Amino acid sequence: MRTIATRVSLIIISLTLSLTGVAQKTDKVFLKNGDVITGEIKSMQLAKLSFDMNGPGIISIKWEEVVQVRSVKTFQVTLQKGDVLLVKLDSLFFTSQHVNLDDIVEIVQIKNTFFKRLSGDVNFGFNYNKSSDIFQLNFAGSITYRKPKLERNFSLNTVLSRASSDTITSKKQDATFSDLRKLKHLYYLMSTLGWERNTQLDLANRYLVTFGGGKILFNNNHQRLLTGVGISYNEEKFYESNAYQSNVEALAIIQFKKFHYSSPKISIDAQYVVYPSLSNWGRVRMNLQVNTSVEVFKDFMVGFTFYDNYDSRPSAGAASNNDYGLTFSIGYKFGK
């Protein structure tokens, strides 16, 4: 019996040591200051390396401070030119692929779960101008799911304005679900489902679907410039009308993102879309939105949003063919 018990004990000890060896954090990061730290590479996105060390736990390292990484595990690595590779971060990968650290845009663990790929933000703001007696309340939120070749986003924006002399509240609201699929050589396909309302332009409801494609002109750890064209179909109803109208429009889009996600986090996100009508020749709609944010303390942000919506042929009940504004908000960002 003692012999059997001894054998069982040895087997348990061997399995324990084996599992311990597997669980060891053996990835290495070499820094500019000469330090070499050992742990586990979790991810690298937006110029920030997430690294798990024994003791301190998960820390963030500025990518520009890293001179070398080493790991025997397999990662999904996305390069600036759009290639997505499944590789080990060893010296053979860097030499055979002629890759340096500046060429790497994203590193993701193969075992990453759905929730680890989510990021987003929630923002609230209000303004009151005593001279014009106008009160304004704004809310914005978005959530994004990212994979190396896929980016899905849901966003919601609301701006409510009212003066004490008004009988109704002015509303600018929109909700959008978008899907962007990356192809080779930085080309992409996009699709969008959306809803809009703007009382300044007399728009009660607009439901739209768009399809298109284009090219990401450049994409690195601090900025991205995207251009594209496509076609849009919408059903819109104005407050002065009881019926919906169908519209077919072409579209052209330019989107620029600038981000610095080492401390402090700073981001600029600008998008300009032009919709020349194909079914109502001569009508042109344009949407411009610029979002800026700065981190004041961990993951809490302050920022400004400027928007401008233009319709060359609004309904007769519209107060203007142009609606623009500037809002201030405080918010919280989560995820990468």
C-alpha atoms as a PDB file:
ATOM      1  CA  MET A   1       0.000   0.000   0.000  1.00  0.00           C
ATOM      2  CA  ARG A   2       2.851   2.350   0.832  1.00  0.00           C
ATOM      3  CA  THR A   3       4.335   1.718  -2.612  1.00  0.00           C
ATOM      4  CA  ILE A   4       1.022   2.573  -4.329  1.00  0.00           C
ATOM      5  CA  ALA A   5       0.601   5.685  -2.186  1.00  0.00           C
ATOM      6  CA  THR A   6       4.135   6.748  -2.956  1.00  0.00           C
ATOM      7  CA  ARG A   7       3.561   6.330  -6.694  1.00  0.00           C
ATOM      8  CA  VAL A   8       0.319   8.319  -6.550  1.00  0.00           C
ATOM      9  CA  SER A   9       2.081  11.090  -4.636  1.00  0.00           C
ATOM     10  CA  LEU A  10       4.887  11.189  -7.198  1.00  0.00           C
ATOM     11  CA  ILE A  11       2.369  11.399 -10.056  1.00  0.00           C
ATOM     12  CA  ILE A  12       0.514  14.287  -8.363  1.00  0.00           C
ATOM     13  CA  ILE A  13       3.771  16.115  -7.695  1.00  0.00           C
ATOM     14  CA  SER A  14       4.886  15.618 -11.313  1.00  0.00           C
ATOM     15  CA  LEU A  15       1.567  16.922 -12.680  1.00  0.00           C
ATOM     16  CA  THR A  16       1.712  19.902 -10.341  1.00  0.00           C
ATOM     17  CA  LEU A  17       5.244  20.756 -11.433  1.00  0.00           C
ATOM     18  CA  SER A  18       4.252  20.318 -15.070  1.00  0.00           C
ATOM     19  CA  LEU A  19       1.253  22.629 -14.750  1.00  0.00           C
ATOM     20  CA  THR A  20       3.362  25.142 -12.864  1.00  0.00           C
ATOM     21  CA  GLY A  21       5.891  25.108 -15.675  1.00  0.00           C
ATOM     22  CA  VAL A  22       3.153  25.683 -18.253  1.00  0.00           C
ATOM     23  CA  ALA A  23       1.717  28.563 -16.237  1.00  0.00           C
ATOM     24  CA  GLN A  24       5.075  30.287 -15.853  1.00  0.00           C
ATOM     25  CA  LYS A  25       5.282  33.750 -17.363  1.00  0.00           C
ATOM     26  CA  THR A  26       8.344  33.542 -19.604  1.00  0.00           C
ATOM     27  CA  ASP A  27       7.769  36.352 -22.149  1.00  0.00           C
ATOM     28  CA  LYS A  28      10.478  39.006 -22.132  1.00  0.00           C
ATOM     29  CA  VAL A  29      10.356  42.711 -22.899  1.00  0.00           C
ATOM     30  CA  PHE A  30      13.553  44.705 -23.429  1.00  0.00           C
ATOM     31  CA  LEU A  31      13.294  48.434 -22.675  1.00  0.00           C
ATOM     32  CA  LYS A  32      15.265  51.441 -23.878  1.00  0.00           C
ATOM     33  CA  ASN A  33      16.670  52.077 -20.393  1.00  0.00           C
ATOM     34  CA  GLY A  34      18.324  48.632 -20.434  1.00  0.00           C
ATOM     35  CA  ASP A  35      15.807  46.861 -18.196  1.00  0.00           C
ATOM     36  CA  VAL A  36      14.560  43.403 -19.151  1.00  0.00           C
ATOM     37  CA  ILE A  37      11.264  42.361 -17.585  1.00  0.00           C
ATOM     38  CA  THR A  38       9.724  38.891 -17.549  1.00  0.00           C
ATOM     39  CA  GLY A  39       6.016  38.110 -17.542  1.00  0.00           C
ATOM     40  CA  GLU A  40       3.191  37.509 -20.022  1.00  0.00           C
ATOM     41  CA  ILE A  41       2.333  39.599 -23.085  1.00  0.00           C
ATOM     42  CA  LYS A  42      -1.439  40.197 -22.983  1.00  0.00           C
ATOM     43  CA  SER A  43      -1.869  42.539 -25.966  1.00  0.00           C
ATOM     44  CA  MET A  44      -0.560  45.609 -27.751  1.00  0.00           C
ATOM     45  CA  GLN A  45      -3.002  48.171 -29.127  1.00  0.00           C
ATOM     46  CA  LEU A  46      -2.827  51.896 -29.745  1.00  0.00           C
ATOM     47  CA  ALA A  47       0.875  52.072 -28.818  1.00  0.00           C
ATOM     48  CA  LYS A  48       0.280  50.514 -25.394  1.00  0.00           C
ATOM     49  CA  LEU A  49       1.672  47.095 -24.406  1.00  0.00           C
ATOM     50  CA  SER A  50      -0.351  45.263 -21.744  1.00  0.00           C
ATOM     51  CA  PHE A  51       2.058  43.053 -19.778  1.00  0.00           C
ATOM     52  CA  ASP A  52       1.343  40.751 -16.815  1.00  0.00           C
ATOM     53  CA  MET A  53       4.119  40.481 -14.218  1.00  0.00           C
ATOM     54  CA  ASN A  54       4.327  38.426 -11.057  1.00  0.00           C
ATOM     55  CA  GLY A  55       3.784  40.838  -8.170  1.00  0.00           C
ATOM     56  CA  PRO A  56       2.747  44.110  -9.849  1.00  0.00           C
ATOM     57  CA  GLY A  57       0.123  42.363 -12.015  1.00  0.00           C
ATOM     58  CA  ILE A  58      -0.885  43.832 -15.372  1.00  0.00           C
ATOM     59  CA  ILE A  59       1.033  46.975 -16.285  1.00  0.00           C
ATOM     60  CA  SER A  60       0.955  49.243 -19.359  1.00  0.00           C
ATOM     61  CA  ILE A  61       4.177  50.037 -21.215  1.00  0.00           C
ATOM     62  CA  LYS A  62       4.562  52.726 -23.871  1.00  0.00           C
ATOM     63  CA  TRP A  63       5.377  50.936 -27.135  1.00  0.00           C
ATOM     64  CA  GLU A  64       7.984  53.579 -27.993  1.00  0.00           C
ATOM     65  CA  GLU A  65       9.919  52.531 -24.841  1.00  0.00           C
ATOM     66  CA  VAL A  66      10.203  48.910 -26.069  1.00  0.00           C
ATOM     67  CA  VAL A  67      13.222  47.832 -28.135  1.00  0.00           C
ATOM     68  CA  GLN A  68      12.574  44.075 -28.275  1.00  0.00           C
ATOM     69  CA  VAL A  69       9.967  41.431 -27.323  1.00  0.00           C
ATOM     70  CA  ARG A  70      10.363  37.676 -27.061  1.00  0.00           C
ATOM     71  CA  SER A  71       7.748  34.947 -26.592  1.00  0.00           C
ATOM     72  CA  VAL A  72       7.362  31.266 -27.539  1.00  0.00           C
ATOM     73  CA  LYS A  73       3.541  31.635 -27.604  1.00  0.00           C
ATOM     74  CA  THR A  74       1.587  32.225 -30.824  1.00  0.00           C
ATOM     75  CA  PHE A  75      -0.078  35.618 -31.343  1.00  0.00           C
ATOM     76  CA  GLN A  76      -2.141  37.372 -33.995  1.00  0.00           C
ATOM     77  CA  VAL A  77       0.053  40.230 -35.193  1.00  0.00           C
ATOM     78  CA  THR A  78      -1.310  43.026 -37.415  1.00  0.00           C
ATOM     79  CA  LEU A  79       1.157  45.089 -39.444  1.00  0.00           C
ATOM     80  CA  GLN A  80       0.823  48.642 -40.761  1.00  0.00           C
ATOM     81  CA  LYS A  81       0.490  47.422 -44.356  1.00  0.00           C
ATOM     82  CA  GLY A  82      -2.566  45.371 -43.344  1.00  0.00           C
ATOM     83  CA  ASP A  83      -1.074  41.860 -43.113  1.00  0.00           C
ATOM     84  CA  VAL A  84      -2.336  39.647 -40.267  1.00  0.00           C
ATOM     85  CA  LEU A  85       0.058  36.908 -39.143  1.00  0.00           C
ATOM     86  CA  LEU A  86      -0.120  34.025 -36.662  1.00  0.00           C
ATOM     87  CA  VAL A  87       3.426  33.923 -35.296  1.00  0.00           C
ATOM     88  CA  LYS A  88       5.710  33.501 -32.337  1.00  0.00           C
ATOM     89  CA  LEU A  89       7.484  36.700 -31.330  1.00  0.00           C
ATOM     90  CA  ASP A  90      10.967  35.254 -31.709  1.00  0.00           C
ATOM     91  CA  SER A  91      14.046  36.491 -33.551  1.00  0.00           C
ATOM     92  CA  LEU A  92      13.222  34.300 -36.571  1.00  0.00           C
ATOM     93  CA  PHE A  93       9.928  36.158 -37.106  1.00  0.00           C
ATOM     94  CA  PHE A  94      11.562  39.595 -37.065  1.00  0.00           C
ATOM     95  CA  THR A  95      14.405  38.602 -39.384  1.00  0.00           C
ATOM     96  CA  SER A  96      12.477  36.406 -41.867  1.00  0.00           C
ATOM     97  CA  GLN A  97       9.583  38.871 -42.226  1.00  0.00           C
ATOM     98  CA  HIS A  98      11.854  41.958 -42.218  1.00  0.00           C
ATOM     99  CA  VAL A  99       9.665  43.427 -39.469  1.00  0.00           C
ATOM    100  CA  ASN A 100      10.632  45.937 -36.795  1.00  0.00           C
ATOM    101  CA  LEU A 101       8.565  47.109 -33.825  1.00  0.00           C
ATOM    102  CA  ASP A 102       7.323  50.235 -35.631  1.00  0.00           C
ATOM    103  CA  ASP A 103       5.688  47.994 -38.269  1.00  0.00           C
ATOM    104  CA  ILE A 104       3.447  46.331 -35.648  1.00  0.00           C
ATOM    105  CA  VAL A 105       0.035  47.895 -35.047  1.00  0.00           C
ATOM    106  CA  GLU A 106      -1.600  45.231 -32.874  1.00  0.00           C
ATOM    107  CA  ILE A 107      -0.701  42.083 -30.934  1.00  0.00           C
ATOM    108  CA  VAL A 108      -3.534  39.861 -29.691  1.00  0.00           C
ATOM    109  CA  GLN A 109      -3.436  36.591 -27.780  1.00  0.00           C
ATOM    110  CA  ILE A 110      -5.106  33.736 -29.645  1.00  0.00           C
ATOM    111  CA  LYS A 111      -7.026  32.815 -26.483  1.00  0.00           C
ATOM    112  CA  ASN A 112      -8.523  36.304 -26.018  1.00  0.00           C
ATOM    113  CA  THR A 113     -12.257  36.180 -25.277  1.00  0.00           C
ATOM    114  CA  PHE A 114     -15.093  38.177 -26.827  1.00  0.00           C
ATOM    115  CA  PHE A 115     -15.284  40.631 -23.917  1.00  0.00           C
ATOM    116  CA  LYS A 116     -11.554  41.394 -24.051  1.00  0.00           C
ATOM    117  CA  ARG A 117     -12.052  42.674 -27.604  1.00  0.00           C
ATOM    118  CA  LEU A 118     -14.633  45.265 -26.536  1.00  0.00           C
ATOM    119  CA  SER A 119     -13.917  48.942 -25.968  1.00  0.00           C
ATOM    120  CA  GLY A 120     -16.081  52.014 -25.724  1.00  0.00           C
ATOM    121  CA  ASP A 121     -17.041  55.190 -23.926  1.00  0.00           C
ATOM    122  CA  VAL A 122     -19.952  56.960 -22.246  1.00  0.00           C
ATOM    123  CA  ASN A 123     -20.174  60.786 -22.166  1.00  0.00           C
ATOM    124  CA  PHE A 124     -22.536  63.286 -20.542  1.00  0.00           C
ATOM    125  CA  GLY A 125     -22.640  67.065 -20.743  1.00  0.00           C
ATOM    126  CA  PHE A 126     -24.813  70.120 -20.276  1.00  0.00           C
ATOM    127  CA  ASN A 127     -24.603  73.827 -21.046  1.00  0.00           C
ATOM    128  CA  TYR A 128     -26.650  76.848 -20.004  1.00  0.00           C
ATOM    129  CA  ASN A 129     -26.372  80.331 -21.510  1.00  0.00           C
ATOM    130  CA  LYS A 130     -28.104  82.958 -19.389  1.00  0.00           C
ATOM    131  CA  SER A 131     -28.026  85.705 -22.055  1.00  0.00           C
ATOM    132  CA  SER A 132     -29.950  83.542 -24.528  1.00  0.00           C
ATOM    133  CA  ASP A 133     -31.689  81.511 -21.793  1.00  0.00           C
ATOM    134  CA  ILE A 134     -30.897  78.251 -23.613  1.00  0.00           C
ATOM    135  CA  PHE A 135     -30.343  74.977 -21.768  1.00  0.00           C
ATOM    136  CA  GLN A 136     -28.625  72.098 -23.564  1.00  0.00           C
ATOM    137  CA  LEU A 137     -28.165  68.472 -22.511  1.00  0.00           C
ATOM    138  CA  ASN A 138     -26.054  65.976 -24.468  1.00  0.00           C
ATOM    139  CA  PHE A 139     -25.299  62.268 -24.202  1.00  0.00           C
ATOM    140  CA  ALA A 140     -23.061  60.071 -26.354  1.00  0.00           C
ATOM    141  CA  GLY A 141     -21.987  56.464 -26.091  1.00  0.00           C
ATOM    142  CA  SER A 142     -20.283  53.876 -28.254  1.00  0.00           C
ATOM    143  CA  ILE A 143     -19.038  50.309 -28.055  1.00  0.00           C
ATOM    144  CA  THR A 144     -16.620  48.676 -30.506  1.00  0.00           C
ATOM    145  CA  TYR A 145     -15.697  45.051 -31.126  1.00  0.00           C
ATOM    146  CA  ARG A 146     -12.314  44.631 -32.826  1.00  0.00           C
ATOM    147  CA  LYS A 147     -10.510  41.726 -34.463  1.00  0.00           C
ATOM    148  CA  PRO A 148      -7.541  42.067 -36.810  1.00  0.00           C
ATOM    149  CA  LYS A 149      -9.773  41.960 -39.929  1.00  0.00           C
ATOM    150  CA  LEU A 150     -13.084  43.123 -38.449  1.00  0.00           C
ATOM    151  CA  GLU A 151     -14.344  46.213 -36.638  1.00  0.00           C
ATOM    152  CA  ARG A 152     -17.963  46.549 -35.496  1.00  0.00           C
ATOM    153  CA  ASN A 153     -19.326  49.629 -33.774  1.00  0.00           C
ATOM    154  CA  PHE A 154     -22.584  50.800 -32.235  1.00  0.00           C
ATOM    155  CA  SER A 155     -22.937  54.483 -31.361  1.00  0.00           C
ATOM    156  CA  LEU A 156     -25.705  56.674 -29.945  1.00  0.00           C
ATOM    157  CA  ASN A 157     -25.766  60.496 -29.808  1.00  0.00           C
ATOM    158  CA  THR A 158     -28.381  62.864 -28.349  1.00  0.00           C
ATOM    159  CA  VAL A 159     -28.396  66.663 -28.079  1.00  0.00           C
ATOM    160  CA  LEU A 160     -31.450  68.302 -26.488  1.00  0.00           C
ATOM    161  CA  SER A 161     -31.836  72.101 -26.471  1.00  0.00           C
ATOM    162  CA  ARG A 162     -34.572  74.347 -25.130  1.00  0.00           C
ATOM    163  CA  ALA A 163     -35.131  77.994 -24.276  1.00  0.00           C
ATOM    164  CA  SER A 164     -37.651  79.011 -21.611  1.00  0.00           C
ATOM    165  CA  SER A 165     -39.694  80.814 -24.288  1.00  0.00           C
ATOM    166  CA  ASP A 166     -39.940  77.657 -26.461  1.00  0.00           C
ATOM    167  CA  THR A 167     -42.875  75.271 -26.327  1.00  0.00           C
ATOM    168  CA  ILE A 168     -40.925  72.333 -27.764  1.00  0.00           C
ATOM    169  CA  THR A 169     -37.463  70.875 -27.220  1.00  0.00           C
ATOM    170  CA  SER A 170     -35.031  70.886 -30.131  1.00  0.00           C
ATOM    171  CA  LYS A 171     -33.611  67.411 -30.737  1.00  0.00           C
ATOM    172  CA  LYS A 172     -30.634  66.090 -32.658  1.00  0.00           C
ATOM    173  CA  GLN A 173     -30.393  62.315 -32.283  1.00  0.00           C
ATOM    174  CA  ASP A 174     -28.804  59.436 -34.166  1.00  0.00           C
ATOM    175  CA  ALA A 175     -27.980  55.753 -33.692  1.00  0.00           C
ATOM    176  CA  THR A 176     -25.636  53.786 -35.943  1.00  0.00           C
ATOM    177  CA  PHE A 177     -24.427  50.202 -36.271  1.00  0.00           C
ATOM    178  CA  SER A 178     -21.442  49.844 -38.618  1.00  0.00           C
ATOM    179  CA  ASP A 179     -19.375  46.933 -39.874  1.00  0.00           C
ATOM    180  CA  LEU A 180     -15.884  47.368 -41.392  1.00  0.00           C
ATOM    181  CA  ARG A 181     -14.095  44.362 -42.881  1.00  0.00           C
ATOM    182  CA  LYS A 182     -10.427  44.749 -43.788  1.00  0.00           C
ATOM    183  CA  LEU A 183      -9.093  43.258 -47.023  1.00  0.00           C
ATOM    184  CA  LYS A 184      -5.564  42.923 -48.390  1.00  0.00           C
ATOM    185  CA  HIS A 185      -3.363  45.959 -48.977  1.00  0.00           C
ATOM    186  CA  LEU A 186      -5.416  48.136 -46.568  1.00  0.00           C
ATOM    187  CA  TYR A 187      -8.622  47.997 -48.639  1.00  0.00           C
ATOM    188  CA  TYR A 188     -11.904  47.465 -46.790  1.00  0.00           C
ATOM    189  CA  LEU A 189     -15.660  46.909 -47.176  1.00  0.00           C
ATOM    190  CA  MET A 190     -18.179  48.725 -44.986  1.00  0.00           C
ATOM    191  CA  SER A 191     -21.910  48.572 -44.231  1.00  0.00           C
ATOM    192  CA  THR A 192     -24.094  50.702 -41.961  1.00  0.00           C
ATOM    193  CA  LEU A 193     -27.579  50.671 -40.457  1.00  0.00           C
ATOM    194  CA  GLY A 194     -28.717  53.975 -38.969  1.00  0.00           C
ATOM    195  CA  TRP A 195     -31.473  56.209 -37.652  1.00  0.00           C
ATOM    196  CA  GLU A 196     -31.519  60.033 -37.433  1.00  0.00           C
ATOM    197  CA  ARG A 197     -33.731  62.826 -36.107  1.00  0.00           C
ATOM    198  CA  ASN A 198     -33.149  66.583 -36.294  1.00  0.00           C
ATOM    199  CA  THR A 199     -35.917  69.061 -35.449  1.00  0.00           C
ATOM    200  CA  GLN A 200     -33.828  72.021 -36.677  1.00  0.00           C
ATOM    201  CA  LEU A 201     -33.980  70.480 -40.170  1.00  0.00           C
ATOM    202  CA  ASP A 202     -37.628  69.397 -39.635  1.00  0.00           C
ATOM    203  CA  LEU A 203     -36.522  65.741 -39.822  1.00  0.00           C
ATOM    204  CA  ALA A 204     -38.778  63.465 -37.759  1.00  0.00           C
ATOM    205  CA  ASN A 205     -37.176  60.144 -38.761  1.00  0.00           C
ATOM    206  CA  ARG A 206     -34.636  58.879 -41.250  1.00  0.00           C
ATOM    207  CA  TYR A 207     -33.802  55.174 -41.519  1.00  0.00           C
ATOM    208  CA  LEU A 208     -30.850  54.363 -43.728  1.00  0.00           C
ATOM    209  CA  VAL A 209     -28.643  51.526 -44.918  1.00  0.00           C
ATOM    210  CA  THR A 210     -25.318  52.044 -46.688  1.00  0.00           C
ATOM    211  CA  PHE A 211     -22.767  49.856 -48.458  1.00  0.00           C
ATOM    212  CA  GLY A 212     -19.357  50.816 -49.726  1.00  0.00           C
ATOM    213  CA  GLY A 213     -15.638  50.338 -49.636  1.00  0.00           C
ATOM    214  CA  GLY A 214     -12.364  52.151 -49.819  1.00  0.00           C
ATOM    215  CA  LYS A 215      -8.800  52.208 -48.617  1.00  0.00           C
ATOM    216  CA  ILE A 216      -7.059  53.002 -45.354  1.00  0.00           C
ATOM    217  CA  LEU A 217      -4.372  55.383 -46.591  1.00  0.00           C
ATOM    218  CA  PHE A 218      -2.248  54.946 -43.470  1.00  0.00           C
ATOM    219  CA  ASN A 219      -2.639  53.121 -40.188  1.00  0.00           C
ATOM    220  CA  ASN A 220      -0.091  53.124 -37.383  1.00  0.00           C
ATOM    221  CA  ASN A 221       0.047  53.246 -33.603  1.00  0.00           C
ATOM    222  CA  HIS A 222      -0.984  56.904 -33.394  1.00  0.00           C
ATOM    223  CA  GLN A 223      -3.222  57.713 -36.358  1.00  0.00           C
ATOM    224  CA  ARG A 224      -5.459  56.335 -39.091  1.00  0.00           C
ATOM    225  CA  LEU A 225      -6.780  57.965 -42.279  1.00  0.00           C
ATOM    226  CA  LEU A 226      -9.641  56.216 -44.066  1.00  0.00           C
ATOM    227  CA  THR A 227     -11.350  57.152 -47.339  1.00  0.00           C
ATOM    228  CA  GLY A 228     -14.224  55.492 -49.131  1.00  0.00           C
ATOM    229  CA  VAL A 229     -17.224  55.691 -51.455  1.00  0.00           C
ATOM    230  CA  GLY A 230     -20.520  53.861 -51.591  1.00  0.00           C
ATOM    231  CA  ILE A 231     -24.274  54.008 -51.993  1.00  0.00           C
ATOM    232  CA  SER A 232     -27.032  54.718 -49.467  1.00  0.00           C
ATOM    233  CA  TYR A 233     -30.777  54.065 -49.362  1.00  0.00           C
ATOM    234  CA  ASN A 234     -33.002  55.836 -46.838  1.00  0.00           C
ATOM    235  CA  GLU A 235     -36.617  56.359 -45.868  1.00  0.00           C
ATOM    236  CA  GLU A 236     -37.236  59.775 -44.330  1.00  0.00           C
ATOM    237  CA  LYS A 237     -40.230  61.582 -42.875  1.00  0.00           C
ATOM    238  CA  PHE A 238     -40.512  65.290 -42.058  1.00  0.00           C
ATOM    239  CA  TYR A 239     -42.683  66.772 -39.324  1.00  0.00           C
ATOM    240  CA  GLU A 240     -44.805  68.622 -41.852  1.00  0.00           C
ATOM    241  CA  SER A 241     -45.485  65.429 -43.834  1.00  0.00           C
ATOM    242  CA  ASN A 242     -47.467  62.289 -43.014  1.00  0.00           C
ATOM    243  CA  ALA A 243     -45.672  60.040 -45.496  1.00  0.00           C
ATOM    244  CA  TYR A 244     -42.181  58.614 -45.802  1.00  0.00           C
ATOM    245  CA  GLN A 245     -40.064  59.429 -48.857  1.00  0.00           C
ATOM    246  CA  SER A 246     -37.538  57.030 -50.416  1.00  0.00           C
ATOM    247  CA  ASN A 247     -34.109  58.281 -51.440  1.00  0.00           C
ATOM    248  CA  VAL A 248     -31.069  56.802 -53.137  1.00  0.00           C
ATOM    249  CA  GLU A 249     -27.781  58.612 -52.567  1.00  0.00           C
ATOM    250  CA  ALA A 250     -24.126  58.178 -53.370  1.00  0.00           C
ATOM    251  CA  LEU A 251     -21.667  58.802 -50.538  1.00  0.00           C
ATOM    252  CA  ALA A 252     -18.058  59.782 -50.016  1.00  0.00           C
ATOM    253  CA  ILE A 253     -16.374  59.535 -46.614  1.00  0.00           C
ATOM    254  CA  ILE A 254     -13.158  60.733 -44.997  1.00  0.00           C
ATOM    255  CA  GLN A 255     -12.341  59.633 -41.453  1.00  0.00           C
ATOM    256  CA  PHE A 256      -9.274  60.614 -39.452  1.00  0.00           C
ATOM    257  CA  LYS A 257      -8.308  59.358 -36.008  1.00  0.00           C
ATOM    258  CA  LYS A 258      -5.403  60.633 -33.960  1.00  0.00           C
ATOM    259  CA  PHE A 259      -4.687  59.003 -30.632  1.00  0.00           C
ATOM    260  CA  HIS A 260      -2.043  59.009 -27.945  1.00  0.00           C
ATOM    261  CA  TYR A 261      -3.037  56.323 -25.465  1.00  0.00           C
ATOM    262  CA  SER A 262      -0.022  56.427 -23.216  1.00  0.00           C
ATOM    263  CA  SER A 263      -0.607  58.664 -20.193  1.00  0.00           C
ATOM    264  CA  PRO A 264      -2.392  61.017 -20.586  1.00  0.00           C
ATOM    265  CA  LYS A 265      -4.808  59.595 -23.141  1.00  0.00           C
ATOM    266  CA  ILE A 266      -5.622  62.056 -25.928  1.00  0.00           C
ATOM    267  CA  SER A 267      -7.771  61.394 -28.966  1.00  0.00           C
ATOM    268  CA  ILE A 268      -9.197  63.254 -31.972  1.00  0.00           C
ATOM    269  CA  ASP A 269     -11.825  61.534 -34.098  1.00  0.00           C
ATOM    270  CA  ALA A 270     -13.123  63.380 -37.177  1.00  0.00           C
ATOM    271  CA  GLN A 271     -15.548  62.169 -39.838  1.00  0.00           C
ATOM    272  CA  TYR A 272     -16.905  63.963 -42.906  1.00  0.00           C
ATOM    273  CA  VAL A 273     -19.562  62.345 -45.132  1.00  0.00           C
ATOM    274  CA  VAL A 274     -21.130  63.793 -48.311  1.00  0.00           C
ATOM    275  CA  TYR A 275     -24.391  62.370 -49.720  1.00  0.00           C
ATOM    276  CA  PRO A 276     -25.146  63.570 -53.308  1.00  0.00           C
ATOM    277  CA  SER A 277     -28.693  62.428 -54.127  1.00  0.00           C
ATOM    278  CA  LEU A 278     -29.284  60.151 -57.112  1.00  0.00           C
ATOM    279  CA  SER A 279     -33.078  60.090 -56.889  1.00  0.00           C
ATOM    280  CA  ASN A 280     -33.503  63.836 -56.149  1.00  0.00           C
ATOM    281  CA  TRP A 281     -30.890  65.301 -58.470  1.00  0.00           C
ATOM    282  CA  GLY A 282     -29.210  68.408 -57.131  1.00  0.00           C
ATOM    283  CA  ARG A 283     -29.862  67.708 -53.450  1.00  0.00           C
ATOM    284  CA  VAL A 284     -26.722  67.284 -51.314  1.00  0.00           C
ATOM    285  CA  ARG A 285     -26.457  66.362 -47.624  1.00  0.00           C
ATOM    286  CA  MET A 286     -23.266  66.681 -45.569  1.00  0.00           C
ATOM    287  CA  ASN A 287     -22.417  65.515 -42.045  1.00  0.00           C
ATOM    288  CA  LEU A 288     -19.300  66.595 -40.145  1.00  0.00           C
ATOM    289  CA  GLN A 289     -18.431  65.535 -36.596  1.00  0.00           C
ATOM    290  CA  VAL A 290     -15.215  66.099 -34.646  1.00  0.00           C
ATOM    291  CA  ASN A 291     -14.727  64.536 -31.199  1.00  0.00           C
ATOM    292  CA  THR A 292     -11.804  65.383 -28.917  1.00  0.00           C
ATOM    293  CA  SER A 293     -11.014  64.010 -25.464  1.00  0.00           C
ATOM    294  CA  VAL A 294      -8.251  64.253 -22.858  1.00  0.00           C
ATOM    295  CA  GLU A 295      -7.808  61.978 -19.841  1.00  0.00           C
ATOM    296  CA  VAL A 296      -7.959  63.891 -16.532  1.00  0.00           C
ATOM    297  CA  PHE A 297      -7.451  60.810 -14.375  1.00  0.00           C
ATOM    298  CA  LYS A 298      -7.499  57.093 -15.130  1.00  0.00           C
ATOM    299  CA  ASP A 299     -10.080  56.368 -17.853  1.00  0.00           C
ATOM    300  CA  PHE A 300     -12.121  59.522 -17.079  1.00  0.00           C
ATOM    301  CA  MET A 301     -12.118  62.070 -19.870  1.00  0.00           C
ATOM    302  CA  VAL A 302     -13.180  65.608 -20.709  1.00  0.00           C
ATOM    303  CA  GLY A 303     -13.760  66.723 -24.266  1.00  0.00           C
ATOM    304  CA  PHE A 304     -15.528  68.758 -26.920  1.00  0.00           C
ATOM    305  CA  THR A 305     -17.667  67.683 -29.866  1.00  0.00           C
ATOM    306  CA  PHE A 306     -18.360  69.863 -32.895  1.00  0.00           C
ATOM    307  CA  TYR A 307     -21.074  68.805 -35.342  1.00  0.00           C
ATOM    308  CA  ASP A 308     -22.451  70.293 -38.548  1.00  0.00           C
ATOM    309  CA  ASN A 309     -25.385  68.800 -40.501  1.00  0.00           C
ATOM    310  CA  TYR A 310     -26.314  70.343 -43.846  1.00  0.00           C
ATOM    311  CA  ASP A 311     -29.174  69.674 -46.293  1.00  0.00           C
ATOM    312  CA  SER A 312     -29.359  71.725 -49.481  1.00  0.00           C
ATOM    313  CA  ARG A 313     -33.073  70.928 -49.833  1.00  0.00           C
ATOM    314  CA  PRO A 314     -34.686  70.550 -46.398  1.00  0.00           C
ATOM    315  CA  SER A 315     -38.452  70.536 -46.020  1.00  0.00           C
ATOM    316  CA  ALA A 316     -40.421  73.788 -46.046  1.00  0.00           C
ATOM    317  CA  GLY A 317     -40.876  73.492 -42.274  1.00  0.00           C
ATOM    318  CA  ALA A 318     -37.135  73.497 -41.513  1.00  0.00           C
ATOM    319  CA  ALA A 319     -35.801  76.451 -39.541  1.00  0.00           C
ATOM    320  CA  SER A 320     -32.586  76.305 -41.561  1.00  0.00           C
ATOM    321  CA  ASN A 321     -30.744  74.094 -44.026  1.00  0.00           C
ATOM    322  CA  ASN A 322     -27.806  73.918 -41.618  1.00  0.00           C
ATOM    323  CA  ASP A 323     -27.578  72.749 -38.007  1.00  0.00           C
ATOM    324  CA  TYR A 324     -24.282  73.001 -36.108  1.00  0.00           C
ATOM    325  CA  GLY A 325     -23.158  73.117 -32.511  1.00  0.00           C
ATOM    326  CA  LEU A 326     -20.375  72.672 -29.972  1.00  0.00           C
ATOM    327  CA  THR A 327     -20.859  70.544 -26.853  1.00  0.00           C
ATOM    328  CA  PHE A 328     -18.719  69.903 -23.774  1.00  0.00           C
ATOM    329  CA  SER A 329     -18.844  66.567 -21.954  1.00  0.00           C
ATOM    330  CA  ILE A 330     -17.238  64.422 -19.295  1.00  0.00           C
ATOM    331  CA  GLY A 331     -17.036  60.683 -19.788  1.00  0.00           C
ATOM    332  CA  TYR A 332     -15.529  57.302 -19.114  1.00  0.00           C
ATOM    333  CA  LYS A 333     -13.611  55.039 -21.497  1.00  0.00           C
ATOM    334  CA  PHE A 334     -13.301  51.284 -21.073  1.00  0.00           C
ATOM    335  CA  GLY A 335     -11.366  48.561 -22.848  1.00  0.00           C
ATOM    336  CA  LYS A 336      -8.342  49.140 -25.048  1.00  0.00           C
END
